[in-house]
Amino acid sequence: MSGAFYKVTIVTMNSDNTIIAQGGIVWEKGVITFIGAHDQAIEYCRKSGISIIDGKGAIIFPGLINTHMHLYQNLLKGIGADLPLEKWWHHTVKPAGLVLDENHVKCAARGAVLESIRCGTTTL
């Protein structure tokens, strides 16, 4: 599948931390083949017969990577937030761990994954 967005803001991760305010991004068969000025993306797509989508107002940035996450603890968010770490573990996580079952863990993990995707995280 091929396509393109134009009039988007593109946040790059190059050595200059370039931000392209009126950018275009083209993908062909699932691979990004062009990132640059939106007028160049439009010209490329018209010559190649690739469909283009007006992305005005959208921001495109690389996916985030979360290298440490306890998915089941998604159920415990906010519980004991007013406690120092030493007390938090003993008053929230430890007691909850005694009553959580397989279904709780599955639901918490699914919720955490959906929340991560919605926030731009591509790797957990």
PDB file of N, CA and C in Angstrom:
ATOM      1  N   MET A   1       0.842  -1.180   0.000  1.00  0.00           N
ATOM      2  CA  MET A   1       0.000   0.000   0.000  1.00  0.00           C
ATOM      3  C   MET A   1       0.892   1.250   0.000  1.00  0.00           C
ATOM      4  N   SER A   2       0.499   2.223  -0.778  1.00  0.00           N
ATOM      5  CA  SER A   2       1.284   3.446  -0.896  1.00  0.00           C
ATOM      6  C   SER A   2       0.404   4.655  -0.618  1.00  0.00           C
ATOM      7  N   GLY A   3       1.022   5.739  -0.187  1.00  0.00           N
ATOM      8  CA  GLY A   3       0.277   6.962   0.077  1.00  0.00           C
ATOM      9  C   GLY A   3       1.205   8.046   0.566  1.00  0.00           C
ATOM     10  N   ALA A   4       0.604   9.193   0.889  1.00  0.00           N
ATOM     11  CA  ALA A   4       1.405  10.326   1.358  1.00  0.00           C
ATOM     12  C   ALA A   4       0.535  11.264   2.174  1.00  0.00           C
ATOM     13  N   PHE A   5       1.166  11.932   3.118  1.00  0.00           N
ATOM     14  CA  PHE A   5       0.567  13.046   3.840  1.00  0.00           C
ATOM     15  C   PHE A   5       1.320  14.291   3.421  1.00  0.00           C
ATOM     16  N   TYR A   6       0.619  15.394   3.270  1.00  0.00           N
ATOM     17  CA  TYR A   6       1.292  16.656   3.004  1.00  0.00           C
ATOM     18  C   TYR A   6       0.709  17.727   3.908  1.00  0.00           C
ATOM     19  N   LYS A   7       1.417  18.823   4.028  1.00  0.00           N
ATOM     20  CA  LYS A   7       1.092  19.928   4.937  1.00  0.00           C
ATOM     21  C   LYS A   7       1.150  19.474   6.396  1.00  0.00           C
ATOM     22  N   VAL A   8       2.053  18.578   6.708  1.00  0.00           N
ATOM     23  CA  VAL A   8       2.213  18.111   8.085  1.00  0.00           C
ATOM     24  C   VAL A   8       3.493  18.701   8.677  1.00  0.00           C
ATOM     25  N   THR A   9       3.542  18.737  10.005  1.00  0.00           N
ATOM     26  CA  THR A   9       4.780  19.092  10.688  1.00  0.00           C
ATOM     27  C   THR A   9       5.499  17.790  10.986  1.00  0.00           C
ATOM     28  N   ILE A  10       6.747  17.691  10.551  1.00  0.00           N
ATOM     29  CA  ILE A  10       7.523  16.466  10.736  1.00  0.00           C
ATOM     30  C   ILE A  10       8.658  16.747  11.709  1.00  0.00           C
ATOM     31  N   VAL A  11       8.692  15.992  12.788  1.00  0.00           N
ATOM     32  CA  VAL A  11       9.768  16.078  13.771  1.00  0.00           C
ATOM     33  C   VAL A  11      10.751  14.963  13.441  1.00  0.00           C
ATOM     34  N   THR A  12      11.939  15.343  13.022  1.00  0.00           N
ATOM     35  CA  THR A  12      12.937  14.333  12.659  1.00  0.00           C
ATOM     36  C   THR A  12      13.831  14.027  13.854  1.00  0.00           C
ATOM     37  N   MET A  13      14.584  12.994  13.725  1.00  0.00           N
ATOM     38  CA  MET A  13      15.573  12.639  14.740  1.00  0.00           C
ATOM     39  C   MET A  13      16.967  12.678  14.121  1.00  0.00           C
ATOM     40  N   ASN A  14      17.149  13.560  13.137  1.00  0.00           N
ATOM     41  CA  ASN A  14      18.469  13.656  12.537  1.00  0.00           C
ATOM     42  C   ASN A  14      19.415  14.418  13.463  1.00  0.00           C
ATOM     43  N   SER A  15      20.671  14.529  13.075  1.00  0.00           N
ATOM     44  CA  SER A  15      21.676  15.141  13.956  1.00  0.00           C
ATOM     45  C   SER A  15      21.418  16.621  14.228  1.00  0.00           C
ATOM     46  N   ASP A  16      20.633  17.287  13.359  1.00  0.00           N
ATOM     47  CA  ASP A  16      20.316  18.699  13.554  1.00  0.00           C
ATOM     48  C   ASP A  16      18.970  18.917  14.244  1.00  0.00           C
ATOM     49  N   ASN A  17      18.264  17.829  14.583  1.00  0.00           N
ATOM     50  CA  ASN A  17      16.918  17.914  15.175  1.00  0.00           C
ATOM     51  C   ASN A  17      15.996  18.785  14.322  1.00  0.00           C
ATOM     52  N   THR A  18      16.021  18.564  13.033  1.00  0.00           N
ATOM     53  CA  THR A  18      15.239  19.341  12.086  1.00  0.00           C
ATOM     54  C   THR A  18      13.736  19.131  12.294  1.00  0.00           C
ATOM     55  N   ILE A  19      12.995  20.223  12.239  1.00  0.00           N
ATOM     56  CA  ILE A  19      11.540  20.169  12.226  1.00  0.00           C
ATOM     57  C   ILE A  19      11.092  20.778  10.908  1.00  0.00           C
ATOM     58  N   ILE A  20      10.334  20.023  10.135  1.00  0.00           N
ATOM     59  CA  ILE A  20       9.853  20.480   8.836  1.00  0.00           C
ATOM     60  C   ILE A  20       8.409  20.941   9.029  1.00  0.00           C
ATOM     61  N   ALA A  21       8.194  22.262   8.984  1.00  0.00           N
ATOM     62  CA  ALA A  21       6.880  22.835   9.304  1.00  0.00           C
ATOM     63  C   ALA A  21       5.829  22.526   8.246  1.00  0.00           C
ATOM     64  N   GLN A  22       6.144  22.611   6.998  1.00  0.00           N
ATOM     65  CA  GLN A  22       5.212  22.295   5.910  1.00  0.00           C
ATOM     66  C   GLN A  22       5.773  21.098   5.154  1.00  0.00           C
ATOM     67  N   GLY A  23       5.701  19.947   5.803  1.00  0.00           N
ATOM     68  CA  GLY A  23       6.355  18.768   5.262  1.00  0.00           C
ATOM     69  C   GLY A  23       5.434  17.820   4.526  1.00  0.00           C
ATOM     70  N   GLY A  24       6.087  16.866   3.917  1.00  0.00           N
ATOM     71  CA  GLY A  24       5.387  15.785   3.244  1.00  0.00           C
ATOM     72  C   GLY A  24       6.121  14.490   3.526  1.00  0.00           C
ATOM     73  N   ILE A  25       5.371  13.418   3.638  1.00  0.00           N
ATOM     74  CA  ILE A  25       5.972  12.105   3.876  1.00  0.00           C
ATOM     75  C   ILE A  25       5.272  11.095   2.969  1.00  0.00           C
ATOM     76  N   VAL A  26       6.059  10.323   2.245  1.00  0.00           N
ATOM     77  CA  VAL A  26       5.525   9.364   1.280  1.00  0.00           C
ATOM     78  C   VAL A  26       5.953   7.964   1.694  1.00  0.00           C
ATOM     79  N   TRP A  27       5.023   7.027   1.595  1.00  0.00           N
ATOM     80  CA  TRP A  27       5.368   5.634   1.844  1.00  0.00           C
ATOM     81  C   TRP A  27       4.888   4.793   0.675  1.00  0.00           C
ATOM     82  N   GLU A  28       5.692   3.787   0.356  1.00  0.00           N
ATOM     83  CA  GLU A  28       5.370   2.861  -0.727  1.00  0.00           C
ATOM     84  C   GLU A  28       5.583   1.440  -0.225  1.00  0.00           C
ATOM     85  N   LYS A  29       4.517   0.644  -0.323  1.00  0.00           N
ATOM     86  CA  LYS A  29       4.554  -0.754   0.121  1.00  0.00           C
ATOM     87  C   LYS A  29       5.049  -0.858   1.561  1.00  0.00           C
ATOM     88  N   GLY A  30       4.599   0.066   2.421  1.00  0.00           N
ATOM     89  CA  GLY A  30       4.936   0.022   3.835  1.00  0.00           C
ATOM     90  C   GLY A  30       6.292   0.594   4.209  1.00  0.00           C
ATOM     91  N   VAL A  31       6.999   1.162   3.239  1.00  0.00           N
ATOM     92  CA  VAL A  31       8.330   1.715   3.501  1.00  0.00           C
ATOM     93  C   VAL A  31       8.313   3.215   3.199  1.00  0.00           C
ATOM     94  N   ILE A  32       8.825   4.025   4.127  1.00  0.00           N
ATOM     95  CA  ILE A  32       8.912   5.467   3.893  1.00  0.00           C
ATOM     96  C   ILE A  32       9.977   5.709   2.828  1.00  0.00           C
ATOM     97  N   THR A  33       9.567   6.391   1.742  1.00  0.00           N
ATOM     98  CA  THR A  33      10.486   6.626   0.629  1.00  0.00           C
ATOM     99  C   THR A  33      10.849   8.104   0.460  1.00  0.00           C
ATOM    100  N   PHE A  34      10.133   8.995   1.156  1.00  0.00           N
ATOM    101  CA  PHE A  34      10.427  10.418   1.028  1.00  0.00           C
ATOM    102  C   PHE A  34       9.977  11.145   2.282  1.00  0.00           C
ATOM    103  N   ILE A  35      10.827  12.052   2.768  1.00  0.00           N
ATOM    104  CA  ILE A  35      10.484  12.992   3.832  1.00  0.00           C
ATOM    105  C   ILE A  35      11.089  14.326   3.418  1.00  0.00           C
ATOM    106  N   GLY A  36      10.270  15.354   3.356  1.00  0.00           N
ATOM    107  CA  GLY A  36      10.784  16.663   2.964  1.00  0.00           C
ATOM    108  C   GLY A  36       9.672  17.673   2.816  1.00  0.00           C
ATOM    109  N   ALA A  37       9.904  18.655   1.962  1.00  0.00           N
ATOM    110  CA  ALA A  37       8.930  19.726   1.736  1.00  0.00           C
ATOM    111  C   ALA A  37       7.662  19.165   1.099  1.00  0.00           C
ATOM    112  N   HIS A  38       6.498  19.698   1.510  1.00  0.00           N
ATOM    113  CA  HIS A  38       5.235  19.133   1.041  1.00  0.00           C
ATOM    114  C   HIS A  38       5.031  19.293  -0.465  1.00  0.00           C
ATOM    115  N   ASP A  39       5.521  20.366  -1.062  1.00  0.00           N
ATOM    116  CA  ASP A  39       5.351  20.531  -2.507  1.00  0.00           C
ATOM    117  C   ASP A  39       6.146  19.476  -3.281  1.00  0.00           C
ATOM    118  N   GLN A  40       7.297  19.087  -2.772  1.00  0.00           N
ATOM    119  CA  GLN A  40       8.080  18.031  -3.416  1.00  0.00           C
ATOM    120  C   GLN A  40       7.380  16.677  -3.269  1.00  0.00           C
ATOM    121  N   ALA A  41       6.752  16.458  -2.113  1.00  0.00           N
ATOM    122  CA  ALA A  41       6.016  15.206  -1.898  1.00  0.00           C
ATOM    123  C   ALA A  41       4.841  15.108  -2.865  1.00  0.00           C
ATOM    124  N   ILE A  42       4.120  16.218  -3.042  1.00  0.00           N
ATOM    125  CA  ILE A  42       2.974  16.234  -3.953  1.00  0.00           C
ATOM    126  C   ILE A  42       3.426  15.936  -5.384  1.00  0.00           C
ATOM    127  N   GLU A  43       4.500  16.594  -5.801  1.00  0.00           N
ATOM    128  CA  GLU A  43       5.027  16.378  -7.161  1.00  0.00           C
ATOM    129  C   GLU A  43       5.431  14.913  -7.349  1.00  0.00           C
ATOM    130  N   TYR A  44       6.121  14.343  -6.384  1.00  0.00           N
ATOM    131  CA  TYR A  44       6.557  12.947  -6.443  1.00  0.00           C
ATOM    132  C   TYR A  44       5.347  12.020  -6.575  1.00  0.00           C
ATOM    133  N   CYS A  45       4.320  12.279  -5.775  1.00  0.00           N
ATOM    134  CA  CYS A  45       3.130  11.426  -5.779  1.00  0.00           C
ATOM    135  C   CYS A  45       2.367  11.518  -7.099  1.00  0.00           C
ATOM    136  N   ARG A  46       2.240  12.705  -7.616  1.00  0.00           N
ATOM    137  CA  ARG A  46       1.525  12.876  -8.890  1.00  0.00           C
ATOM    138  C   ARG A  46       2.229  12.130 -10.010  1.00  0.00           C
ATOM    139  N   LYS A  47       3.547  12.182 -10.041  1.00  0.00           N
ATOM    140  CA  LYS A  47       4.310  11.471 -11.074  1.00  0.00           C
ATOM    141  C   LYS A  47       4.217   9.960 -10.900  1.00  0.00           C
ATOM    142  N   SER A  48       4.100   9.510  -9.643  1.00  0.00           N
ATOM    143  CA  SER A  48       4.088   8.071  -9.351  1.00  0.00           C
ATOM    144  C   SER A  48       2.685   7.491  -9.214  1.00  0.00           C
ATOM    145  N   GLY A  49       1.662   8.349  -9.261  1.00  0.00           N
ATOM    146  CA  GLY A  49       0.295   7.871  -9.114  1.00  0.00           C
ATOM    147  C   GLY A  49      -0.053   7.444  -7.691  1.00  0.00           C
ATOM    148  N   ILE A  50       0.598   8.050  -6.726  1.00  0.00           N
ATOM    149  CA  ILE A  50       0.369   7.717  -5.314  1.00  0.00           C
ATOM    150  C   ILE A  50      -0.667   8.669  -4.738  1.00  0.00           C
ATOM    151  N   SER A  51      -1.635   8.135  -3.992  1.00  0.00           N
ATOM    152  CA  SER A  51      -2.676   8.982  -3.401  1.00  0.00           C
ATOM    153  C   SER A  51      -2.088   9.836  -2.285  1.00  0.00           C
ATOM    154  N   ILE A  52      -2.599  11.063  -2.178  1.00  0.00           N
ATOM    155  CA  ILE A  52      -2.102  11.993  -1.171  1.00  0.00           C
ATOM    156  C   ILE A  52      -3.242  12.437  -0.256  1.00  0.00           C
ATOM    157  N   ILE A  53      -2.904  12.662   0.997  1.00  0.00           N
ATOM    158  CA  ILE A  53      -3.870  13.043   2.021  1.00  0.00           C
ATOM    159  C   ILE A  53      -3.412  14.348   2.650  1.00  0.00           C
ATOM    160  N   ASP A  54      -4.326  15.323   2.735  1.00  0.00           N
ATOM    161  CA  ASP A  54      -4.014  16.592   3.387  1.00  0.00           C
ATOM    162  C   ASP A  54      -3.938  16.346   4.887  1.00  0.00           C
ATOM    163  N   GLY A  55      -2.767  16.523   5.445  1.00  0.00           N
ATOM    164  CA  GLY A  55      -2.562  16.287   6.873  1.00  0.00           C
ATOM    165  C   GLY A  55      -2.426  17.570   7.663  1.00  0.00           C
ATOM    166  N   LYS A  56      -2.959  18.657   7.137  1.00  0.00           N
ATOM    167  CA  LYS A  56      -2.812  19.954   7.793  1.00  0.00           C
ATOM    168  C   LYS A  56      -3.194  19.861   9.271  1.00  0.00           C
ATOM    169  N   GLY A  57      -2.290  20.335  10.116  1.00  0.00           N
ATOM    170  CA  GLY A  57      -2.517  20.317  11.556  1.00  0.00           C
ATOM    171  C   GLY A  57      -1.947  19.087  12.246  1.00  0.00           C
ATOM    172  N   ALA A  58      -1.549  18.086  11.482  1.00  0.00           N
ATOM    173  CA  ALA A  58      -1.005  16.856  12.072  1.00  0.00           C
ATOM    174  C   ALA A  58       0.494  17.006  12.326  1.00  0.00           C
ATOM    175  N   ILE A  59       0.969  16.270  13.300  1.00  0.00           N
ATOM    176  CA  ILE A  59       2.397  16.225  13.609  1.00  0.00           C
ATOM    177  C   ILE A  59       2.839  14.779  13.482  1.00  0.00           C
ATOM    178  N   ILE A  60       3.898  14.560  12.740  1.00  0.00           N
ATOM    179  CA  ILE A  60       4.444  13.214  12.562  1.00  0.00           C
ATOM    180  C   ILE A  60       5.804  13.170  13.245  1.00  0.00           C
ATOM    181  N   PHE A  61       5.976  12.186  14.116  1.00  0.00           N
ATOM    182  CA  PHE A  61       7.248  12.029  14.811  1.00  0.00           C
ATOM    183  C   PHE A  61       7.543  10.546  14.965  1.00  0.00           C
ATOM    184  N   PRO A  62       8.809  10.195  15.183  1.00  0.00           N
ATOM    185  CA  PRO A  62       9.167   8.785  15.336  1.00  0.00           C
ATOM    186  C   PRO A  62       8.442   8.168  16.538  1.00  0.00           C
ATOM    187  N   GLY A  63       8.156   6.896  16.438  1.00  0.00           N
ATOM    188  CA  GLY A  63       7.498   6.191  17.530  1.00  0.00           C
ATOM    189  C   GLY A  63       8.357   6.187  18.791  1.00  0.00           C
ATOM    190  N   LEU A  64       7.704   6.270  19.924  1.00  0.00           N
ATOM    191  CA  LEU A  64       8.400   6.238  21.206  1.00  0.00           C
ATOM    192  C   LEU A  64       8.675   4.795  21.609  1.00  0.00           C
ATOM    193  N   ILE A  65       9.711   4.586  22.402  1.00  0.00           N
ATOM    194  CA  ILE A  65      10.078   3.251  22.874  1.00  0.00           C
ATOM    195  C   ILE A  65      10.102   3.267  24.394  1.00  0.00           C
ATOM    196  N   ASN A  66       9.316   2.389  24.994  1.00  0.00           N
ATOM    197  CA  ASN A  66       9.262   2.270  26.448  1.00  0.00           C
ATOM    198  C   ASN A  66      10.057   1.019  26.821  1.00  0.00           C
ATOM    199  N   THR A  67      11.188   1.202  27.455  1.00  0.00           N
ATOM    200  CA  THR A  67      12.073   0.071  27.756  1.00  0.00           C
ATOM    201  C   THR A  67      11.818  -0.568  29.112  1.00  0.00           C
ATOM    202  N   HIS A  68      10.901  -0.021  29.890  1.00  0.00           N
ATOM    203  CA  HIS A  68      10.621  -0.612  31.201  1.00  0.00           C
ATOM    204  C   HIS A  68       9.173  -0.307  31.590  1.00  0.00           C
ATOM    205  N   MET A  69       8.375  -1.347  31.671  1.00  0.00           N
ATOM    206  CA  MET A  69       6.969  -1.135  32.010  1.00  0.00           C
ATOM    207  C   MET A  69       6.419  -2.379  32.683  1.00  0.00           C
ATOM    208  N   HIS A  70       5.624  -2.189  33.699  1.00  0.00           N
ATOM    209  CA  HIS A  70       4.920  -3.272  34.380  1.00  0.00           C
ATOM    210  C   HIS A  70       3.461  -3.156  33.958  1.00  0.00           C
ATOM    211  N   LEU A  71       3.065  -3.892  32.936  1.00  0.00           N
ATOM    212  CA  LEU A  71       1.748  -3.740  32.347  1.00  0.00           C
ATOM    213  C   LEU A  71       0.619  -3.955  33.352  1.00  0.00           C
ATOM    214  N   TYR A  72       0.752  -4.921  34.243  1.00  0.00           N
ATOM    215  CA  TYR A  72      -0.331  -5.212  35.187  1.00  0.00           C
ATOM    216  C   TYR A  72      -0.567  -4.043  36.148  1.00  0.00           C
ATOM    217  N   GLN A  73       0.446  -3.223  36.383  1.00  0.00           N
ATOM    218  CA  GLN A  73       0.302  -2.119  37.327  1.00  0.00           C
ATOM    219  C   GLN A  73      -0.547  -0.981  36.768  1.00  0.00           C
ATOM    220  N   ASN A  74      -0.956  -1.107  35.510  1.00  0.00           N
ATOM    221  CA  ASN A  74      -1.865  -0.114  34.941  1.00  0.00           C
ATOM    222  C   ASN A  74      -3.140  -0.020  35.782  1.00  0.00           C
ATOM    223  N   LEU A  75      -3.561  -1.126  36.371  1.00  0.00           N
ATOM    224  CA  LEU A  75      -4.745  -1.131  37.233  1.00  0.00           C
ATOM    225  C   LEU A  75      -4.541  -0.334  38.520  1.00  0.00           C
ATOM    226  N   LEU A  76      -3.301  -0.135  38.900  1.00  0.00           N
ATOM    227  CA  LEU A  76      -3.003   0.496  40.185  1.00  0.00           C
ATOM    228  C   LEU A  76      -2.665   1.985  40.063  1.00  0.00           C
ATOM    229  N   LYS A  77      -2.809   2.546  38.858  1.00  0.00           N
ATOM    230  CA  LYS A  77      -2.462   3.964  38.660  1.00  0.00           C
ATOM    231  C   LYS A  77      -3.194   4.851  39.648  1.00  0.00           C
ATOM    232  N   GLY A  78      -2.452   5.728  40.255  1.00  0.00           N
ATOM    233  CA  GLY A  78      -3.030   6.711  41.155  1.00  0.00           C
ATOM    234  C   GLY A  78      -3.237   6.223  42.581  1.00  0.00           C
ATOM    235  N   ILE A  79      -3.240   4.925  42.775  1.00  0.00           N
ATOM    236  CA  ILE A  79      -3.429   4.395  44.129  1.00  0.00           C
ATOM    237  C   ILE A  79      -2.145   4.627  44.921  1.00  0.00           C
ATOM    238  N   GLY A  80      -2.256   5.299  46.017  1.00  0.00           N
ATOM    239  CA  GLY A  80      -1.101   5.580  46.856  1.00  0.00           C
ATOM    240  C   GLY A  80      -0.170   6.621  46.291  1.00  0.00           C
ATOM    241  N   ALA A  81      -0.657   7.446  45.370  1.00  0.00           N
ATOM    242  CA  ALA A  81       0.189   8.470  44.743  1.00  0.00           C
ATOM    243  C   ALA A  81       0.725   9.475  45.757  1.00  0.00           C
ATOM    244  N   ASP A  82       0.069   9.565  46.896  1.00  0.00           N
ATOM    245  CA  ASP A  82       0.501  10.516  47.920  1.00  0.00           C
ATOM    246  C   ASP A  82       1.523   9.923  48.889  1.00  0.00           C
ATOM    247  N   LEU A  83       1.897   8.642  48.653  1.00  0.00           N
ATOM    248  CA  LEU A  83       2.826   7.965  49.564  1.00  0.00           C
ATOM    249  C   LEU A  83       4.255   8.008  49.044  1.00  0.00           C
ATOM    250  N   PRO A  84       5.237   8.021  49.939  1.00  0.00           N
ATOM    251  CA  PRO A  84       6.634   7.878  49.487  1.00  0.00           C
ATOM    252  C   PRO A  84       6.831   6.440  48.984  1.00  0.00           C
ATOM    253  N   LEU A  85       7.839   6.258  48.136  1.00  0.00           N
ATOM    254  CA  LEU A  85       8.074   4.956  47.501  1.00  0.00           C
ATOM    255  C   LEU A  85       8.116   3.815  48.505  1.00  0.00           C
ATOM    256  N   GLU A  86       8.794   3.974  49.604  1.00  0.00           N
ATOM    257  CA  GLU A  86       8.942   2.891  50.581  1.00  0.00           C
ATOM    258  C   GLU A  86       7.591   2.425  51.125  1.00  0.00           C
ATOM    259  N   LYS A  87       6.677   3.345  51.340  1.00  0.00           N
ATOM    260  CA  LYS A  87       5.350   2.993  51.842  1.00  0.00           C
ATOM    261  C   LYS A  87       4.421   2.558  50.712  1.00  0.00           C
ATOM    262  N   TRP A  88       4.587   3.165  49.545  1.00  0.00           N
ATOM    263  CA  TRP A  88       3.715   2.872  48.404  1.00  0.00           C
ATOM    264  C   TRP A  88       3.712   1.378  48.096  1.00  0.00           C
ATOM    265  N   TRP A  89       4.886   0.789  47.980  1.00  0.00           N
ATOM    266  CA  TRP A  89       4.974  -0.631  47.632  1.00  0.00           C
ATOM    267  C   TRP A  89       4.207  -1.482  48.642  1.00  0.00           C
ATOM    268  N   HIS A  90       4.452  -1.266  49.894  1.00  0.00           N
ATOM    269  CA  HIS A  90       3.858  -2.106  50.938  1.00  0.00           C
ATOM    270  C   HIS A  90       2.362  -1.863  51.131  1.00  0.00           C
ATOM    271  N   HIS A  91       1.896  -0.652  50.825  1.00  0.00           N
ATOM    272  CA  HIS A  91       0.485  -0.334  51.054  1.00  0.00           C
ATOM    273  C   HIS A  91      -0.392  -0.454  49.805  1.00  0.00           C
ATOM    274  N   THR A  92       0.211  -0.602  48.624  1.00  0.00           N
ATOM    275  CA  THR A  92      -0.601  -0.702  47.401  1.00  0.00           C
ATOM    276  C   THR A  92      -0.257  -1.932  46.569  1.00  0.00           C
ATOM    277  N   VAL A  93       0.954  -2.000  46.061  1.00  0.00           N
ATOM    278  CA  VAL A  93       1.318  -3.072  45.138  1.00  0.00           C
ATOM    279  C   VAL A  93       1.295  -4.436  45.819  1.00  0.00           C
ATOM    280  N   LYS A  94       1.886  -4.536  46.969  1.00  0.00           N
ATOM    281  CA  LYS A  94       1.942  -5.824  47.667  1.00  0.00           C
ATOM    282  C   LYS A  94       0.543  -6.369  47.978  1.00  0.00           C
ATOM    283  N   PRO A  95      -0.354  -5.593  48.601  1.00  0.00           N
ATOM    284  CA  PRO A  95      -1.701  -6.117  48.861  1.00  0.00           C
ATOM    285  C   PRO A  95      -2.483  -6.428  47.576  1.00  0.00           C
ATOM    286  N   ALA A  96      -2.327  -5.587  46.554  1.00  0.00           N
ATOM    287  CA  ALA A  96      -3.037  -5.833  45.297  1.00  0.00           C
ATOM    288  C   ALA A  96      -2.558  -7.124  44.649  1.00  0.00           C
ATOM    289  N   GLY A  97      -1.264  -7.377  44.736  1.00  0.00           N
ATOM    290  CA  GLY A  97      -0.701  -8.592  44.152  1.00  0.00           C
ATOM    291  C   GLY A  97      -1.296  -9.866  44.727  1.00  0.00           C
ATOM    292  N   LEU A  98      -1.792  -9.797  45.943  1.00  0.00           N
ATOM    293  CA  LEU A  98      -2.383 -10.975  46.587  1.00  0.00           C
ATOM    294  C   LEU A  98      -3.772 -11.301  46.045  1.00  0.00           C
ATOM    295  N   VAL A  99      -4.447 -10.329  45.438  1.00  0.00           N
ATOM    296  CA  VAL A  99      -5.810 -10.566  44.964  1.00  0.00           C
ATOM    297  C   VAL A  99      -5.964 -10.513  43.442  1.00  0.00           C
ATOM    298  N   LEU A 100      -4.939 -10.073  42.737  1.00  0.00           N
ATOM    299  CA  LEU A 100      -5.028 -10.035  41.278  1.00  0.00           C
ATOM    300  C   LEU A 100      -5.060 -11.452  40.714  1.00  0.00           C
ATOM    301  N   ASP A 101      -5.946 -11.672  39.751  1.00  0.00           N
ATOM    302  CA  ASP A 101      -5.977 -12.980  39.092  1.00  0.00           C
ATOM    303  C   ASP A 101      -5.585 -12.804  37.620  1.00  0.00           C
ATOM    304  N   GLU A 102      -5.621 -13.891  36.878  1.00  0.00           N
ATOM    305  CA  GLU A 102      -5.193 -13.883  35.480  1.00  0.00           C
ATOM    306  C   GLU A 102      -6.005 -12.886  34.642  1.00  0.00           C
ATOM    307  N   ASN A 103      -7.297 -12.815  34.884  1.00  0.00           N
ATOM    308  CA  ASN A 103      -8.148 -11.890  34.129  1.00  0.00           C
ATOM    309  C   ASN A 103      -7.782 -10.433  34.416  1.00  0.00           C
ATOM    310  N   HIS A 104      -7.502 -10.116  35.670  1.00  0.00           N
ATOM    311  CA  HIS A 104      -7.072  -8.754  36.017  1.00  0.00           C
ATOM    312  C   HIS A 104      -5.813  -8.377  35.234  1.00  0.00           C
ATOM    313  N   VAL A 105      -4.864  -9.290  35.225  1.00  0.00           N
ATOM    314  CA  VAL A 105      -3.582  -9.024  34.560  1.00  0.00           C
ATOM    315  C   VAL A 105      -3.778  -8.857  33.056  1.00  0.00           C
ATOM    316  N   LYS A 106      -4.601  -9.715  32.444  1.00  0.00           N
ATOM    317  CA  LYS A 106      -4.875  -9.602  31.006  1.00  0.00           C
ATOM    318  C   LYS A 106      -5.515  -8.251  30.682  1.00  0.00           C
ATOM    319  N   CYS A 107      -6.523  -7.875  31.452  1.00  0.00           N
ATOM    320  CA  CYS A 107      -7.213  -6.603  31.204  1.00  0.00           C
ATOM    321  C   CYS A 107      -6.283  -5.412  31.414  1.00  0.00           C
ATOM    322  N   ALA A 108      -5.479  -5.455  32.453  1.00  0.00           N
ATOM    323  CA  ALA A 108      -4.537  -4.368  32.720  1.00  0.00           C
ATOM    324  C   ALA A 108      -3.521  -4.245  31.589  1.00  0.00           C
ATOM    325  N   ALA A 109      -3.009  -5.372  31.125  1.00  0.00           N
ATOM    326  CA  ALA A 109      -2.017  -5.358  30.042  1.00  0.00           C
ATOM    327  C   ALA A 109      -2.634  -4.799  28.766  1.00  0.00           C
ATOM    328  N   ARG A 110      -3.835  -5.227  28.435  1.00  0.00           N
ATOM    329  CA  ARG A 110      -4.496  -4.719  27.230  1.00  0.00           C
ATOM    330  C   ARG A 110      -4.716  -3.202  27.328  1.00  0.00           C
ATOM    331  N   GLY A 111      -5.164  -2.744  28.480  1.00  0.00           N
ATOM    332  CA  GLY A 111      -5.376  -1.310  28.673  1.00  0.00           C
ATOM    333  C   GLY A 111      -4.082  -0.531  28.547  1.00  0.00           C
ATOM    334  N   ALA A 112      -3.018  -1.056  29.127  1.00  0.00           N
ATOM    335  CA  ALA A 112      -1.717  -0.377  29.070  1.00  0.00           C
ATOM    336  C   ALA A 112      -1.186  -0.314  27.637  1.00  0.00           C
ATOM    337  N   VAL A 113      -1.372  -1.390  26.874  1.00  0.00           N
ATOM    338  CA  VAL A 113      -0.921  -1.413  25.485  1.00  0.00           C
ATOM    339  C   VAL A 113      -1.714  -0.394  24.656  1.00  0.00           C
ATOM    340  N   LEU A 114      -3.032  -0.366  24.830  1.00  0.00           N
ATOM    341  CA  LEU A 114      -3.851   0.603  24.091  1.00  0.00           C
ATOM    342  C   LEU A 114      -3.465   2.047  24.443  1.00  0.00           C
ATOM    343  N   GLU A 115      -3.250   2.295  25.705  1.00  0.00           N
ATOM    344  CA  GLU A 115      -2.838   3.629  26.141  1.00  0.00           C
ATOM    345  C   GLU A 115      -1.484   4.003  25.528  1.00  0.00           C
ATOM    346  N   SER A 116      -0.580   3.052  25.483  1.00  0.00           N
ATOM    347  CA  SER A 116       0.741   3.305  24.903  1.00  0.00           C
ATOM    348  C   SER A 116       0.643   3.638  23.426  1.00  0.00           C
ATOM    349  N   ILE A 117      -0.158   2.867  22.692  1.00  0.00           N
ATOM    350  CA  ILE A 117      -0.330   3.125  21.260  1.00  0.00           C
ATOM    351  C   ILE A 117      -0.908   4.518  21.045  1.00  0.00           C
ATOM    352  N   ARG A 118      -1.910   4.847  21.825  1.00  0.00           N
ATOM    353  CA  ARG A 118      -2.563   6.159  21.686  1.00  0.00           C
ATOM    354  C   ARG A 118      -1.586   7.308  21.933  1.00  0.00           C
ATOM    355  N   CYS A 119      -0.581   7.071  22.765  1.00  0.00           N
ATOM    356  CA  CYS A 119       0.400   8.109  23.093  1.00  0.00           C
ATOM    357  C   CYS A 119       1.613   8.104  22.158  1.00  0.00           C
ATOM    358  N   GLY A 120       1.621   7.228  21.161  1.00  0.00           N
ATOM    359  CA  GLY A 120       2.713   7.211  20.191  1.00  0.00           C
ATOM    360  C   GLY A 120       3.821   6.228  20.493  1.00  0.00           C
ATOM    361  N   THR A 121       3.607   5.335  21.449  1.00  0.00           N
ATOM    362  CA  THR A 121       4.609   4.328  21.771  1.00  0.00           C
ATOM    363  C   THR A 121       4.425   3.154  20.815  1.00  0.00           C
ATOM    364  N   THR A 122       5.499   2.787  20.143  1.00  0.00           N
ATOM    365  CA  THR A 122       5.437   1.690  19.160  1.00  0.00           C
ATOM    366  C   THR A 122       6.106   0.422  19.669  1.00  0.00           C
ATOM    367  N   THR A 123       6.886   0.536  20.730  1.00  0.00           N
ATOM    368  CA  THR A 123       7.617  -0.619  21.244  1.00  0.00           C
ATOM    369  C   THR A 123       7.543  -0.605  22.765  1.00  0.00           C
ATOM    370  N   LEU A 124       7.158  -1.755  23.325  1.00  0.00           N
ATOM    371  CA  LEU A 124       7.131  -1.919  24.783  1.00  0.00           C
ATOM    372  C   LEU A 124       8.130  -3.013  25.147  1.00  0.00           C
TER     373      LEU A 124
END
